[in-house]
Amino acid sequence: MYFAALLARTEDGWEASDTELDDVETLSDLADLAREASPDDDTVLVLIEQEDSWFGVVRIDGEEDPRIFVSDAAAAARSSYGEILLTDELLGRDPGDDDDLDALDLDGTEDGENEDEDDDEDEGVVSTVNGSSAEAVPHGPVGDAGILDDLGVGEKELRSLSADAVTEIADALGASEVLETVR
């Protein structure tokens, strides 16, 4: 189960809105969606979580490039929503490398894969449809762990968040009440 929300910082505090990611195919699409939530170029956070598996934070400050943090890249790589966040740059890949992540379904399984099959957990390798392996995707966090430092959530705290990370982030920002209205 996924949950995605936008938190936009305004003069009056944080405003939350749930967001539908079905039409979002790229990080650029996600950044555009976030910028629409804040006409004054204020900070917008996109919070995405897959229950008990991984969470991601995307921060958009005006027209600057999005900053991204993903709690577990290997888990996110098995998700089409995670695939949006796991850019070549974030993973340290050369743009255009074939990674076969396009074969993933929204439920995190690959096309034609039985959900009961064991995932290949060796060395952070993500299995592909053909049984070959894609370029290694690290198990564990990737991205800018200092993404929320100036908002009161330090790098160490972000890396140690539990399965309910989105709620914990909202609590730290003082935005838990507005987030709960869209949950």
N, C-alpha and C. Protein backbone atom coordinates (compact mmCIF):
# COMPACT_ATOMS: atom_id res chain seq x y z
N MET A 1 0.84 -1.17 0.00
CA MET A 1 0.00 0.00 0.00
C MET A 1 0.89 1.24 0.00
N TYR A 2 0.57 2.17 -0.85
CA TYR A 2 1.33 3.40 -0.97
C TYR A 2 0.58 4.57 -0.37
N PHE A 3 1.32 5.55 0.07
CA PHE A 3 0.76 6.83 0.47
C PHE A 3 1.69 7.90 -0.06
N ALA A 4 1.12 8.92 -0.67
CA ALA A 4 1.91 10.04 -1.17
C ALA A 4 1.19 11.33 -0.83
N ALA A 5 1.94 12.30 -0.34
CA ALA A 5 1.35 13.59 0.02
C ALA A 5 2.35 14.70 -0.31
N LEU A 6 1.79 15.87 -0.54
CA LEU A 6 2.59 17.08 -0.73
C LEU A 6 2.43 17.94 0.51
N LEU A 7 3.53 18.44 1.03
CA LEU A 7 3.51 19.42 2.12
C LEU A 7 4.15 20.69 1.58
N ALA A 8 3.36 21.74 1.51
CA ALA A 8 3.86 23.02 1.00
C ALA A 8 3.98 24.00 2.16
N ARG A 9 5.15 24.60 2.31
CA ARG A 9 5.37 25.58 3.38
C ARG A 9 4.88 26.94 2.89
N THR A 10 4.02 27.54 3.68
CA THR A 10 3.46 28.86 3.35
C THR A 10 3.73 29.81 4.51
N GLU A 11 3.32 31.05 4.35
CA GLU A 11 3.46 32.03 5.43
C GLU A 11 2.66 31.60 6.67
N ASP A 12 1.60 30.85 6.45
CA ASP A 12 0.72 30.43 7.55
C ASP A 12 1.08 29.06 8.10
N GLY A 13 2.16 28.48 7.67
CA GLY A 13 2.54 27.15 8.11
C GLY A 13 2.50 26.17 6.95
N TRP A 14 2.36 24.90 7.28
CA TRP A 14 2.35 23.85 6.27
C TRP A 14 0.93 23.58 5.78
N GLU A 15 0.80 23.36 4.48
CA GLU A 15 -0.46 22.93 3.87
C GLU A 15 -0.21 21.57 3.25
N ALA A 16 -1.14 20.66 3.45
CA ALA A 16 -0.97 19.30 2.93
C ALA A 16 -2.03 19.00 1.88
N SER A 17 -1.65 18.18 0.93
CA SER A 17 -2.60 17.65 -0.03
C SER A 17 -2.13 16.26 -0.42
N ASP A 18 -3.10 15.35 -0.56
CA ASP A 18 -2.69 14.03 -1.05
C ASP A 18 -2.47 14.18 -2.54
N THR A 19 -1.72 13.30 -3.07
CA THR A 19 -1.40 13.41 -4.49
C THR A 19 -1.50 12.04 -5.14
N GLU A 20 -2.00 12.05 -6.32
CA GLU A 20 -2.13 10.83 -7.12
C GLU A 20 -0.94 10.77 -8.06
N LEU A 21 -0.20 9.69 -8.00
CA LEU A 21 1.01 9.57 -8.80
C LEU A 21 0.83 8.75 -10.08
N ASP A 22 -0.40 8.37 -10.38
CA ASP A 22 -0.64 7.52 -11.56
C ASP A 22 -0.19 8.18 -12.86
N ASP A 23 -0.29 9.50 -12.96
CA ASP A 23 0.09 10.19 -14.19
C ASP A 23 1.52 10.71 -14.15
N VAL A 24 2.23 10.46 -13.07
CA VAL A 24 3.61 10.91 -12.92
C VAL A 24 4.54 9.80 -13.40
N GLU A 25 5.33 10.11 -14.42
CA GLU A 25 6.22 9.11 -14.99
C GLU A 25 7.70 9.40 -14.74
N THR A 26 8.03 10.66 -14.46
CA THR A 26 9.42 11.04 -14.29
C THR A 26 9.56 11.95 -13.07
N LEU A 27 10.80 12.13 -12.64
CA LEU A 27 11.07 13.07 -11.56
C LEU A 27 10.68 14.48 -11.96
N SER A 28 10.86 14.81 -13.21
CA SER A 28 10.47 16.13 -13.72
C SER A 28 8.96 16.34 -13.58
N ASP A 29 8.17 15.31 -13.91
CA ASP A 29 6.72 15.40 -13.74
C ASP A 29 6.36 15.62 -12.28
N LEU A 30 7.04 14.90 -11.39
CA LEU A 30 6.79 15.03 -9.95
C LEU A 30 7.15 16.43 -9.46
N ALA A 31 8.28 16.96 -9.92
CA ALA A 31 8.69 18.31 -9.53
C ALA A 31 7.68 19.35 -10.02
N ASP A 32 7.19 19.18 -11.24
CA ASP A 32 6.18 20.10 -11.77
C ASP A 32 4.90 20.06 -10.93
N LEU A 33 4.48 18.86 -10.55
CA LEU A 33 3.30 18.70 -9.71
C LEU A 33 3.50 19.40 -8.37
N ALA A 34 4.68 19.25 -7.79
CA ALA A 34 4.99 19.89 -6.51
C ALA A 34 5.01 21.41 -6.65
N ARG A 35 5.59 21.91 -7.72
CA ARG A 35 5.66 23.37 -7.92
C ARG A 35 4.27 23.97 -8.08
N GLU A 36 3.34 23.23 -8.66
CA GLU A 36 1.96 23.71 -8.79
C GLU A 36 1.29 23.88 -7.44
N ALA A 37 1.75 23.13 -6.43
CA ALA A 37 1.17 23.21 -5.08
C ALA A 37 1.60 24.47 -4.34
N SER A 38 2.63 25.16 -4.84
CA SER A 38 3.13 26.35 -4.17
C SER A 38 3.41 27.45 -5.18
N PRO A 39 2.42 28.29 -5.44
CA PRO A 39 2.60 29.34 -6.45
C PRO A 39 3.65 30.38 -6.07
N ASP A 40 4.03 30.45 -4.78
CA ASP A 40 4.99 31.46 -4.33
C ASP A 40 6.42 30.94 -4.26
N ASP A 41 6.70 29.82 -4.91
CA ASP A 41 8.04 29.22 -4.92
C ASP A 41 8.53 28.86 -3.52
N ASP A 42 7.60 28.56 -2.61
CA ASP A 42 7.98 28.11 -1.28
C ASP A 42 8.45 26.66 -1.35
N THR A 43 8.99 26.18 -0.25
CA THR A 43 9.45 24.80 -0.17
C THR A 43 8.26 23.85 -0.22
N VAL A 44 8.39 22.82 -1.05
CA VAL A 44 7.38 21.77 -1.13
C VAL A 44 8.10 20.44 -0.92
N LEU A 45 7.52 19.62 -0.06
CA LEU A 45 8.03 18.27 0.18
C LEU A 45 7.05 17.27 -0.38
N VAL A 46 7.54 16.31 -1.12
CA VAL A 46 6.74 15.19 -1.57
C VAL A 46 7.17 14.01 -0.71
N LEU A 47 6.23 13.45 0.02
CA LEU A 47 6.50 12.32 0.90
C LEU A 47 5.81 11.10 0.32
N ILE A 48 6.58 10.05 0.08
CA ILE A 48 6.04 8.81 -0.49
C ILE A 48 6.49 7.67 0.41
N GLU A 49 5.56 6.78 0.73
CA GLU A 49 5.95 5.60 1.49
C GLU A 49 5.22 4.38 0.99
N GLN A 50 5.93 3.28 1.01
CA GLN A 50 5.31 1.98 0.77
C GLN A 50 5.39 1.28 2.12
N GLU A 51 4.24 0.90 2.60
CA GLU A 51 4.09 0.33 3.93
C GLU A 51 5.20 -0.66 4.28
N ASP A 52 5.91 -0.40 5.37
CA ASP A 52 6.93 -1.27 5.94
C ASP A 52 8.06 -1.63 4.98
N SER A 53 8.23 -0.90 3.87
CA SER A 53 9.25 -1.26 2.92
C SER A 53 10.27 -0.13 2.71
N TRP A 54 9.80 1.04 2.32
CA TRP A 54 10.68 2.16 2.06
C TRP A 54 9.89 3.45 2.08
N PHE A 55 10.61 4.56 2.19
CA PHE A 55 9.99 5.88 2.04
C PHE A 55 10.94 6.77 1.27
N GLY A 56 10.36 7.80 0.67
CA GLY A 56 11.17 8.77 -0.07
C GLY A 56 10.71 10.17 0.23
N VAL A 57 11.65 11.11 0.20
CA VAL A 57 11.37 12.52 0.38
C VAL A 57 11.96 13.24 -0.82
N VAL A 58 11.14 14.05 -1.47
CA VAL A 58 11.62 14.91 -2.55
C VAL A 58 11.36 16.33 -2.10
N ARG A 59 12.39 17.16 -2.16
CA ARG A 59 12.25 18.56 -1.76
C ARG A 59 12.44 19.45 -2.97
N ILE A 60 11.47 20.34 -3.17
CA ILE A 60 11.53 21.29 -4.27
C ILE A 60 11.51 22.68 -3.65
N ASP A 61 12.54 23.46 -3.92
CA ASP A 61 12.63 24.85 -3.47
C ASP A 61 12.62 25.74 -4.70
N GLY A 62 11.45 26.27 -5.05
CA GLY A 62 11.33 27.11 -6.22
C GLY A 62 11.72 26.37 -7.49
N GLU A 63 12.59 26.98 -8.27
CA GLU A 63 13.01 26.39 -9.54
C GLU A 63 14.29 25.57 -9.42
N GLU A 64 14.80 25.40 -8.20
CA GLU A 64 16.01 24.60 -8.02
C GLU A 64 15.72 23.14 -8.37
N ASP A 65 16.78 22.39 -8.67
CA ASP A 65 16.64 20.96 -8.93
C ASP A 65 16.12 20.28 -7.67
N PRO A 66 15.28 19.26 -7.85
CA PRO A 66 14.77 18.52 -6.69
C PRO A 66 15.91 17.83 -5.94
N ARG A 67 15.76 17.79 -4.63
CA ARG A 67 16.66 17.04 -3.77
C ARG A 67 15.90 15.80 -3.33
N ILE A 68 16.59 14.66 -3.26
CA ILE A 68 15.90 13.38 -3.04
C ILE A 68 16.61 12.58 -1.95
N PHE A 69 15.81 11.92 -1.14
CA PHE A 69 16.31 10.92 -0.20
C PHE A 69 15.38 9.71 -0.28
N VAL A 70 15.96 8.52 -0.40
CA VAL A 70 15.20 7.26 -0.42
C VAL A 70 15.79 6.37 0.66
N SER A 71 14.93 5.83 1.52
CA SER A 71 15.39 5.06 2.67
C SER A 71 16.00 3.72 2.31
N ASP A 72 15.53 3.07 1.26
CA ASP A 72 16.06 1.77 0.84
C ASP A 72 15.93 1.67 -0.68
N ALA A 73 17.04 1.89 -1.36
CA ALA A 73 17.03 1.93 -2.82
C ALA A 73 16.60 0.61 -3.43
N ALA A 74 17.07 -0.52 -2.87
CA ALA A 74 16.72 -1.82 -3.45
C ALA A 74 15.22 -2.07 -3.35
N ALA A 75 14.62 -1.74 -2.22
CA ALA A 75 13.17 -1.91 -2.07
C ALA A 75 12.42 -0.96 -3.00
N ALA A 76 12.88 0.27 -3.10
CA ALA A 76 12.23 1.25 -3.98
C ALA A 76 12.37 0.86 -5.44
N ALA A 77 13.47 0.19 -5.81
CA ALA A 77 13.69 -0.22 -7.19
C ALA A 77 12.66 -1.23 -7.65
N ARG A 78 12.03 -1.92 -6.73
CA ARG A 78 11.00 -2.90 -7.08
C ARG A 78 9.62 -2.25 -7.15
N SER A 79 9.56 -0.95 -7.12
CA SER A 79 8.31 -0.20 -7.13
C SER A 79 8.33 0.83 -8.25
N SER A 80 7.24 0.96 -8.96
CA SER A 80 7.22 1.96 -10.03
C SER A 80 7.28 3.37 -9.47
N TYR A 81 6.75 3.59 -8.27
CA TYR A 81 6.86 4.92 -7.66
C TYR A 81 8.30 5.18 -7.22
N GLY A 82 8.95 4.17 -6.71
CA GLY A 82 10.35 4.30 -6.34
C GLY A 82 11.22 4.55 -7.54
N GLU A 83 10.86 3.93 -8.65
CA GLU A 83 11.62 4.09 -9.89
C GLU A 83 11.67 5.56 -10.31
N ILE A 84 10.62 6.31 -10.02
CA ILE A 84 10.59 7.75 -10.35
C ILE A 84 11.71 8.48 -9.62
N LEU A 85 11.96 8.08 -8.38
CA LEU A 85 12.94 8.77 -7.54
C LEU A 85 14.37 8.32 -7.79
N LEU A 86 14.55 7.08 -8.23
CA LEU A 86 15.88 6.50 -8.39
C LEU A 86 16.47 6.86 -9.75
N THR A 87 16.90 8.09 -9.84
CA THR A 87 17.49 8.57 -11.08
C THR A 87 18.90 8.01 -11.26
N ASP A 88 19.40 8.04 -12.48
CA ASP A 88 20.76 7.60 -12.75
C ASP A 88 21.75 8.36 -11.87
N GLU A 89 21.55 9.67 -11.75
CA GLU A 89 22.45 10.50 -10.94
C GLU A 89 22.43 10.06 -9.47
N LEU A 90 21.26 9.80 -8.94
CA LEU A 90 21.13 9.39 -7.54
C LEU A 90 21.84 8.07 -7.28
N LEU A 91 21.79 7.17 -8.26
CA LEU A 91 22.41 5.85 -8.12
C LEU A 91 23.85 5.81 -8.60
N GLY A 92 24.37 6.95 -9.09
CA GLY A 92 25.74 7.00 -9.55
C GLY A 92 25.97 6.29 -10.87
N ARG A 93 24.95 6.24 -11.69
CA ARG A 93 25.04 5.59 -13.00
C ARG A 93 25.23 6.62 -14.11
N ASP A 94 25.76 6.16 -15.21
CA ASP A 94 25.81 7.00 -16.40
C ASP A 94 24.41 7.02 -17.01
N PRO A 95 23.90 8.19 -17.40
CA PRO A 95 22.57 8.24 -18.01
C PRO A 95 22.48 7.30 -19.20
N GLY A 96 21.35 6.63 -19.30
CA GLY A 96 21.12 5.75 -20.43
C GLY A 96 21.50 4.31 -20.18
N ASP A 97 22.11 4.00 -19.02
CA ASP A 97 22.41 2.60 -18.72
C ASP A 97 21.11 1.82 -18.70
N ASP A 98 21.12 0.63 -19.26
CA ASP A 98 19.94 -0.22 -19.22
C ASP A 98 19.83 -0.81 -17.83
N ASP A 99 18.64 -0.65 -17.20
CA ASP A 99 18.49 -1.21 -15.87
C ASP A 99 17.23 -2.05 -15.73
N ASP A 100 16.46 -2.18 -16.78
CA ASP A 100 15.29 -3.04 -16.82
C ASP A 100 14.28 -2.75 -15.71
N LEU A 101 14.30 -1.58 -15.11
CA LEU A 101 13.30 -1.26 -14.10
C LEU A 101 11.94 -0.96 -14.72
N ASP A 102 11.91 -0.77 -16.06
CA ASP A 102 10.64 -0.51 -16.73
C ASP A 102 9.69 -1.69 -16.63
N ALA A 103 10.18 -2.87 -16.32
CA ALA A 103 9.36 -4.08 -16.27
C ALA A 103 8.62 -4.24 -14.96
N LEU A 104 8.71 -3.28 -14.05
CA LEU A 104 8.06 -3.41 -12.75
C LEU A 104 6.61 -2.98 -12.80
N ASP A 105 5.78 -3.71 -12.06
CA ASP A 105 4.38 -3.35 -11.90
C ASP A 105 4.23 -2.49 -10.65
N LEU A 106 3.05 -1.86 -10.48
CA LEU A 106 2.82 -1.02 -9.33
C LEU A 106 2.87 -1.79 -8.02
N ASP A 107 2.63 -3.09 -8.04
CA ASP A 107 2.66 -3.86 -6.80
C ASP A 107 4.08 -4.24 -6.41
N GLY A 108 5.06 -3.81 -7.18
CA GLY A 108 6.45 -4.07 -6.85
C GLY A 108 6.99 -5.36 -7.45
N THR A 109 6.16 -6.13 -8.16
CA THR A 109 6.65 -7.34 -8.80
C THR A 109 6.95 -7.03 -10.25
N GLU A 110 7.72 -7.87 -10.85
CA GLU A 110 8.03 -7.69 -12.26
C GLU A 110 6.95 -8.34 -13.11
N ASP A 111 6.80 -7.85 -14.35
CA ASP A 111 5.83 -8.45 -15.25
C ASP A 111 6.06 -9.94 -15.34
N GLY A 112 5.02 -10.72 -15.14
CA GLY A 112 5.12 -12.16 -15.26
C GLY A 112 5.72 -12.84 -14.04
N GLU A 113 6.08 -12.09 -13.02
CA GLU A 113 6.69 -12.68 -11.82
C GLU A 113 5.61 -13.02 -10.81
N ASN A 114 5.74 -14.14 -10.18
CA ASN A 114 4.83 -14.53 -9.11
C ASN A 114 5.24 -13.77 -7.86
N GLU A 115 4.27 -13.15 -7.18
CA GLU A 115 4.58 -12.37 -5.99
C GLU A 115 5.20 -13.21 -4.88
N ASP A 116 5.01 -14.52 -4.90
CA ASP A 116 5.52 -15.38 -3.85
C ASP A 116 6.98 -15.77 -4.07
N GLU A 117 7.53 -15.49 -5.26
CA GLU A 117 8.92 -15.85 -5.52
C GLU A 117 9.84 -15.02 -4.65
N ASP A 118 10.95 -15.62 -4.23
CA ASP A 118 11.92 -14.90 -3.42
C ASP A 118 12.64 -13.89 -4.29
N ASP A 119 12.90 -12.71 -3.71
CA ASP A 119 13.68 -11.69 -4.40
C ASP A 119 15.15 -12.04 -4.29
N ASP A 120 15.93 -11.67 -5.29
CA ASP A 120 17.37 -11.87 -5.24
C ASP A 120 17.96 -10.77 -4.38
N GLU A 121 18.33 -11.08 -3.17
CA GLU A 121 18.83 -10.10 -2.21
C GLU A 121 20.35 -10.02 -2.21
N ASP A 122 21.04 -10.81 -3.02
CA ASP A 122 22.49 -10.86 -2.99
C ASP A 122 23.10 -9.56 -3.50
N GLU A 123 23.93 -8.96 -2.67
CA GLU A 123 24.74 -7.81 -3.05
C GLU A 123 23.93 -6.68 -3.65
N GLY A 124 22.65 -6.53 -3.31
CA GLY A 124 21.86 -5.42 -3.82
C GLY A 124 21.46 -5.57 -5.26
N VAL A 125 21.46 -6.77 -5.80
CA VAL A 125 21.13 -6.97 -7.20
C VAL A 125 19.63 -7.12 -7.35
N VAL A 126 19.08 -6.44 -8.32
CA VAL A 126 17.66 -6.54 -8.62
C VAL A 126 17.50 -7.48 -9.80
N SER A 127 16.71 -8.54 -9.65
CA SER A 127 16.50 -9.49 -10.75
C SER A 127 15.67 -8.86 -11.85
N THR A 128 15.88 -9.32 -13.06
CA THR A 128 15.10 -8.84 -14.18
C THR A 128 14.23 -9.97 -14.71
N VAL A 129 13.37 -9.64 -15.65
CA VAL A 129 12.44 -10.62 -16.20
C VAL A 129 13.17 -11.81 -16.82
N ASN A 130 14.29 -11.55 -17.47
CA ASN A 130 15.02 -12.60 -18.15
C ASN A 130 15.91 -13.43 -17.23
N GLY A 131 15.91 -13.13 -15.95
CA GLY A 131 16.74 -13.86 -15.01
C GLY A 131 18.16 -13.32 -14.92
N SER A 132 18.51 -12.36 -15.78
CA SER A 132 19.82 -11.72 -15.65
C SER A 132 19.68 -10.66 -14.57
N SER A 133 20.77 -10.00 -14.25
CA SER A 133 20.67 -9.00 -13.20
C SER A 133 20.92 -7.61 -13.75
N ALA A 134 20.20 -6.65 -13.18
CA ALA A 134 20.41 -5.26 -13.53
C ALA A 134 21.62 -4.77 -12.77
N GLU A 135 22.06 -3.59 -13.10
CA GLU A 135 23.17 -3.00 -12.37
C GLU A 135 22.78 -2.95 -10.89
N ALA A 136 23.72 -3.18 -10.01
CA ALA A 136 23.46 -3.25 -8.57
C ALA A 136 22.78 -1.98 -8.07
N VAL A 137 21.74 -2.18 -7.29
CA VAL A 137 21.06 -1.10 -6.60
C VAL A 137 21.31 -1.34 -5.12
N PRO A 138 21.87 -0.37 -4.42
CA PRO A 138 22.25 -0.61 -3.04
C PRO A 138 21.06 -0.85 -2.11
N HIS A 139 21.26 -1.77 -1.17
CA HIS A 139 20.31 -1.93 -0.08
C HIS A 139 20.64 -0.83 0.91
N GLY A 140 19.65 -0.09 1.29
CA GLY A 140 19.88 1.00 2.23
C GLY A 140 19.63 2.34 1.60
N PRO A 141 19.88 3.39 2.36
CA PRO A 141 19.54 4.74 1.91
C PRO A 141 20.44 5.27 0.81
N VAL A 142 19.86 6.10 -0.05
CA VAL A 142 20.59 6.84 -1.07
C VAL A 142 20.04 8.26 -1.12
N GLY A 143 20.85 9.15 -1.62
CA GLY A 143 20.40 10.52 -1.80
C GLY A 143 20.92 11.46 -0.73
N ASP A 144 20.25 12.57 -0.61
CA ASP A 144 20.65 13.68 0.25
C ASP A 144 20.04 13.52 1.64
N ALA A 145 20.78 12.90 2.56
CA ALA A 145 20.27 12.67 3.91
C ALA A 145 20.13 13.98 4.69
N GLY A 146 20.74 15.05 4.22
CA GLY A 146 20.62 16.36 4.86
C GLY A 146 19.48 17.19 4.30
N ILE A 147 18.59 16.55 3.58
CA ILE A 147 17.50 17.22 2.87
C ILE A 147 16.58 18.03 3.79
N LEU A 148 16.45 17.60 5.04
CA LEU A 148 15.53 18.26 5.97
C LEU A 148 16.26 18.92 7.15
N ASP A 149 17.58 19.03 7.07
CA ASP A 149 18.36 19.61 8.18
C ASP A 149 17.81 20.95 8.65
N ASP A 150 17.57 21.86 7.72
CA ASP A 150 17.12 23.20 8.10
C ASP A 150 15.66 23.23 8.57
N LEU A 151 14.97 22.10 8.44
CA LEU A 151 13.58 22.01 8.88
C LEU A 151 13.44 21.24 10.20
N GLY A 152 14.57 20.86 10.79
CA GLY A 152 14.54 20.23 12.10
C GLY A 152 14.66 18.71 12.11
N VAL A 153 14.90 18.10 10.94
CA VAL A 153 15.11 16.65 10.89
C VAL A 153 16.52 16.43 10.35
N GLY A 154 17.42 16.09 11.25
CA GLY A 154 18.82 15.91 10.88
C GLY A 154 19.05 14.61 10.13
N GLU A 155 20.25 14.51 9.57
CA GLU A 155 20.64 13.34 8.78
C GLU A 155 20.52 12.05 9.58
N LYS A 156 21.04 12.05 10.79
CA LYS A 156 21.02 10.85 11.63
C LYS A 156 19.57 10.44 11.94
N GLU A 157 18.74 11.42 12.25
CA GLU A 157 17.33 11.14 12.55
C GLU A 157 16.61 10.61 11.31
N LEU A 158 16.85 11.19 10.15
CA LEU A 158 16.20 10.75 8.92
C LEU A 158 16.57 9.31 8.60
N ARG A 159 17.84 8.97 8.75
CA ARG A 159 18.29 7.61 8.45
C ARG A 159 17.73 6.57 9.42
N SER A 160 17.32 7.00 10.61
CA SER A 160 16.86 6.05 11.63
C SER A 160 15.34 5.98 11.76
N LEU A 161 14.62 6.64 10.86
CA LEU A 161 13.16 6.64 10.97
C LEU A 161 12.58 5.25 10.79
N SER A 162 11.46 5.02 11.44
CA SER A 162 10.80 3.71 11.43
C SER A 162 9.91 3.54 10.21
N ALA A 163 9.10 2.51 10.26
CA ALA A 163 8.18 2.20 9.16
C ALA A 163 7.14 3.30 8.97
N ASP A 164 6.90 4.11 9.98
CA ASP A 164 5.92 5.20 9.87
C ASP A 164 6.63 6.54 9.69
N ALA A 165 7.60 6.56 8.79
CA ALA A 165 8.48 7.70 8.60
C ALA A 165 7.74 8.97 8.21
N VAL A 166 6.75 8.87 7.33
CA VAL A 166 6.05 10.07 6.87
C VAL A 166 5.39 10.78 8.05
N THR A 167 4.77 10.03 8.94
CA THR A 167 4.15 10.63 10.12
C THR A 167 5.21 11.25 11.03
N GLU A 168 6.33 10.56 11.20
CA GLU A 168 7.40 11.08 12.05
C GLU A 168 8.00 12.36 11.47
N ILE A 169 8.14 12.43 10.16
CA ILE A 169 8.64 13.65 9.52
C ILE A 169 7.65 14.78 9.73
N ALA A 170 6.38 14.51 9.50
CA ALA A 170 5.35 15.53 9.69
C ALA A 170 5.33 16.03 11.13
N ASP A 171 5.48 15.13 12.10
CA ASP A 171 5.55 15.53 13.51
C ASP A 171 6.70 16.50 13.74
N ALA A 172 7.87 16.16 13.22
CA ALA A 172 9.05 16.99 13.42
C ALA A 172 8.89 18.37 12.77
N LEU A 173 8.12 18.43 11.68
CA LEU A 173 7.90 19.70 10.98
C LEU A 173 6.76 20.51 11.60
N GLY A 174 6.02 19.89 12.51
CA GLY A 174 4.84 20.54 13.07
C GLY A 174 3.67 20.51 12.10
N ALA A 175 3.65 19.51 11.23
CA ALA A 175 2.62 19.42 10.19
C ALA A 175 1.79 18.15 10.31
N SER A 176 1.83 17.50 11.45
CA SER A 176 1.12 16.21 11.57
C SER A 176 -0.39 16.37 11.44
N GLU A 177 -0.95 17.45 11.99
CA GLU A 177 -2.40 17.65 11.89
C GLU A 177 -2.85 17.85 10.45
N VAL A 178 -2.11 18.65 9.67
CA VAL A 178 -2.50 18.87 8.28
C VAL A 178 -2.28 17.62 7.44
N LEU A 179 -1.26 16.84 7.77
CA LEU A 179 -1.03 15.60 7.04
C LEU A 179 -2.17 14.61 7.31
N GLU A 180 -2.61 14.53 8.53
CA GLU A 180 -3.69 13.60 8.88
C GLU A 180 -4.98 13.92 8.16
N THR A 181 -5.20 15.17 7.76
CA THR A 181 -6.42 15.52 7.03
C THR A 181 -6.45 14.92 5.64
N VAL A 182 -5.28 14.57 5.09
CA VAL A 182 -5.24 13.98 3.75
C VAL A 182 -4.94 12.50 3.78
N ARG A 183 -4.64 11.96 4.93
CA ARG A 183 -4.28 10.54 5.03
C ARG A 183 -5.49 9.67 4.93
